[in-house]
Amino acid sequence: MFLIKNLTVLYRYDHILSFGSKKMNGLDLLSQISIISDPRQAWKIEHKLADILFLTITAVIGGAEGWEEIEDFGIDHLEWLKTYGDFENGIPVHDTIARVISMISGKSLQSCFATWMKECHEVTKGDVIAIDGKTIKQFQLFDDALEK
C-alpha cells in the first residue's frame, strides 16, 4: 500500500474529498472528467474512460510514479474505487492505462482537473492539503504524455 508521511493514501484521499458538512467528493471529480470524450472504438472498450481517469488521478495524488504503480494502486484500493466508479471489469492493466491516457486530450484533462481543484478550493475556503513538488513533477510527466 502506498504511504505518504505515515498516512495511507486511502485515508489521505478520503480526507481531501470531505471537509466539514460540505463534501468535495469523488463524484464531483467524476462529473468533471465525464465531459472528456472517449476517443476509443466503442466495441473495444472494456474499462470506462471515467474509471481509468479517476484511477489515474487518485493514484498520482497518492504518490504513484508510473503506469505500473497506478495499476498497483488500483488493485490495492479496488473496493474504495468502486464507491465512486463502476470498475465492473476490475482494474485495467498498466499498458491499457498508458494507452488510454495517451489518447485523450491533455488540455481537456487539465481543464477538468483545474475546475475540480477550483471547486475544492471554494469548498474548503482555501484550507487545502498541499500536494508536494514531487507529485506535481510526476503529474507533469503524465501531462507530457497526454500532449503527445
Protein backbone atom coordinates (compact mmCIF):
# COMPACT_ATOMS: atom_id res chain seq x y z
CA MET A 1 0.00 0.00 0.00
CA PHE A 2 1.28 3.49 -0.83
CA LEU A 3 2.16 5.62 2.19
CA ILE A 4 2.55 9.37 2.38
CA LYS A 5 4.03 10.74 5.62
CA ASN A 6 2.69 7.79 7.64
CA LEU A 7 -0.87 8.20 6.35
CA THR A 8 -2.39 5.71 3.98
CA VAL A 9 -3.31 7.16 0.63
CA LEU A 10 -6.84 5.91 1.10
CA TYR A 11 -7.21 7.99 4.28
CA ARG A 12 -5.49 10.99 2.76
CA TYR A 13 -7.64 10.96 -0.36
CA ASP A 14 -10.85 10.49 1.62
CA HIS A 15 -9.73 13.42 3.76
CA ILE A 16 -9.15 15.54 0.67
CA LEU A 17 -12.63 14.63 -0.56
CA SER A 18 -14.56 15.68 2.58
CA PHE A 19 -14.46 18.89 4.55
CA GLY A 20 -16.95 19.53 7.33
CA SER A 21 -20.59 19.46 6.31
CA LYS A 22 -19.91 20.15 2.63
CA LYS A 23 -18.25 17.42 0.63
CA MET A 24 -15.93 17.69 -2.31
CA ASN A 25 -16.21 14.06 -3.16
CA GLY A 26 -15.05 11.72 -5.84
CA LEU A 27 -18.39 12.07 -7.58
CA ASP A 28 -17.58 15.74 -8.17
CA LEU A 29 -14.28 14.71 -9.75
CA LEU A 30 -16.06 12.08 -11.81
CA SER A 31 -18.58 14.65 -13.03
CA GLN A 32 -15.70 16.84 -14.19
CA ILE A 33 -13.85 14.07 -16.04
CA SER A 34 -17.03 12.64 -17.55
CA ILE A 35 -17.11 15.54 -20.04
CA ILE A 36 -13.90 14.29 -21.65
CA SER A 37 -14.73 12.48 -24.87
CA ASP A 38 -13.59 8.89 -25.25
CA PRO A 39 -11.53 8.51 -28.45
CA ARG A 40 -11.61 4.69 -28.38
CA GLN A 41 -13.69 2.50 -30.66
CA ALA A 42 -16.87 1.63 -28.74
CA TRP A 43 -16.74 -2.09 -29.45
CA LYS A 44 -13.21 -2.36 -28.00
CA ILE A 45 -13.98 -0.68 -24.66
CA GLU A 46 -13.60 -2.93 -21.61
CA HIS A 47 -12.99 -0.22 -18.97
CA LYS A 48 -14.88 3.07 -18.76
CA LEU A 49 -12.83 6.18 -19.52
CA ALA A 50 -14.06 7.87 -16.32
CA ASP A 51 -12.84 4.88 -14.27
CA ILE A 52 -9.40 4.99 -15.87
CA LEU A 53 -9.09 8.74 -15.39
CA PHE A 54 -10.34 8.60 -11.79
CA LEU A 55 -7.91 5.78 -11.01
CA THR A 56 -5.02 7.68 -12.61
CA ILE A 57 -5.72 10.97 -10.85
CA THR A 58 -6.22 9.41 -7.41
CA ALA A 59 -3.15 7.21 -7.81
CA VAL A 60 -0.95 10.16 -8.82
CA ILE A 61 -2.28 12.22 -5.91
CA GLY A 62 -1.49 9.19 -3.78
CA GLY A 63 2.12 9.08 -4.92
CA ALA A 64 2.09 6.62 -7.83
CA GLU A 65 5.09 7.17 -10.08
CA GLY A 66 4.34 5.33 -13.28
CA TRP A 67 1.82 3.16 -15.04
CA GLU A 68 2.63 0.01 -13.05
CA GLU A 69 2.23 1.86 -9.75
CA ILE A 70 -1.13 3.24 -10.93
CA GLU A 71 -2.24 -0.32 -11.63
CA ASP A 72 -0.92 -1.46 -8.22
CA PHE A 73 -2.74 1.40 -6.51
CA GLY A 74 -5.95 0.31 -8.22
CA ILE A 75 -5.54 -3.30 -7.17
CA ASP A 76 -4.81 -2.26 -3.56
CA HIS A 77 -7.78 0.14 -3.41
CA LEU A 78 -10.33 -1.53 -5.68
CA GLU A 79 -13.13 -1.64 -3.09
CA TRP A 80 -12.67 2.05 -2.31
CA LEU A 81 -12.53 2.94 -6.02
CA LYS A 82 -15.82 1.07 -6.54
CA THR A 83 -17.53 3.52 -4.17
CA TYR A 84 -17.01 6.16 -6.87
CA GLY A 85 -16.80 4.27 -10.17
CA ASP A 86 -18.03 1.02 -11.68
CA PHE A 87 -14.78 -0.85 -12.25
CA GLU A 88 -17.01 -3.75 -13.32
CA ASN A 89 -14.10 -5.42 -15.15
CA GLY A 90 -11.63 -4.72 -12.35
CA ILE A 91 -8.53 -2.61 -12.74
CA PRO A 92 -7.09 -2.20 -16.23
CA VAL A 93 -3.51 -3.36 -16.76
CA HIS A 94 -0.81 -0.71 -16.89
CA ASP A 95 -0.47 -0.95 -20.68
CA THR A 96 -4.18 -0.16 -21.09
CA ILE A 97 -3.95 2.76 -18.67
CA ALA A 98 -0.97 4.20 -20.55
CA ARG A 99 -2.57 3.69 -23.97
CA VAL A 100 -5.88 5.29 -22.98
CA ILE A 101 -4.26 8.24 -21.21
CA SER A 102 -2.06 8.88 -24.25
CA MET A 103 -5.15 9.02 -26.48
CA ILE A 104 -7.05 11.73 -24.64
CA SER A 105 -6.59 15.47 -24.92
CA GLY A 106 -4.17 16.78 -22.32
CA LYS A 107 -5.84 20.19 -22.45
CA SER A 108 -9.28 18.77 -21.67
CA LEU A 109 -7.91 16.74 -18.75
CA GLN A 110 -6.02 19.76 -17.45
CA SER A 111 -9.15 21.90 -17.71
CA CYS A 112 -11.29 19.36 -15.84
CA PHE A 113 -8.70 18.90 -13.11
CA ALA A 114 -8.25 22.67 -12.72
CA THR A 115 -12.03 23.15 -12.43
CA TRP A 116 -12.22 20.40 -9.80
CA MET A 117 -9.35 21.94 -7.82
CA LYS A 118 -11.02 25.37 -8.01
CA GLU A 119 -14.24 23.86 -6.63
CA CYS A 120 -12.21 22.10 -3.96
CA HIS A 121 -10.64 25.42 -3.00
CA GLU A 122 -14.10 27.02 -2.72
CA VAL A 123 -15.47 24.16 -0.61
CA THR A 124 -12.55 24.34 1.80
CA LYS A 125 -12.40 28.15 1.82
CA GLY A 126 -8.76 27.89 0.80
CA ASP A 127 -7.84 25.37 3.51
CA VAL A 128 -6.45 22.58 1.32
CA ILE A 129 -3.76 19.96 1.64
CA ALA A 130 -0.74 20.95 -0.43
CA ILE A 131 0.49 18.45 -2.97
CA ASP A 132 4.28 18.26 -2.79
CA GLY A 133 6.64 19.13 -5.62
CA LYS A 134 7.46 15.51 -6.40
CA THR A 135 3.81 14.79 -7.06
CA ILE A 136 3.49 17.92 -9.18
CA LYS A 137 6.60 16.94 -11.13
CA GLN A 138 5.19 13.44 -11.67
CA PHE A 139 1.91 14.94 -12.87
CA GLN A 140 3.97 16.92 -15.37
CA LEU A 141 5.27 13.59 -16.76
CA PHE A 142 1.67 12.43 -17.25
CA ASP A 143 0.78 15.82 -18.73
CA ASP A 144 3.68 15.50 -21.21
CA ALA A 145 2.42 12.04 -22.20
CA LEU A 146 -1.08 13.44 -22.71
CA GLU A 147 0.11 16.12 -25.10
CA LYS A 148 1.61 13.56 -27.49
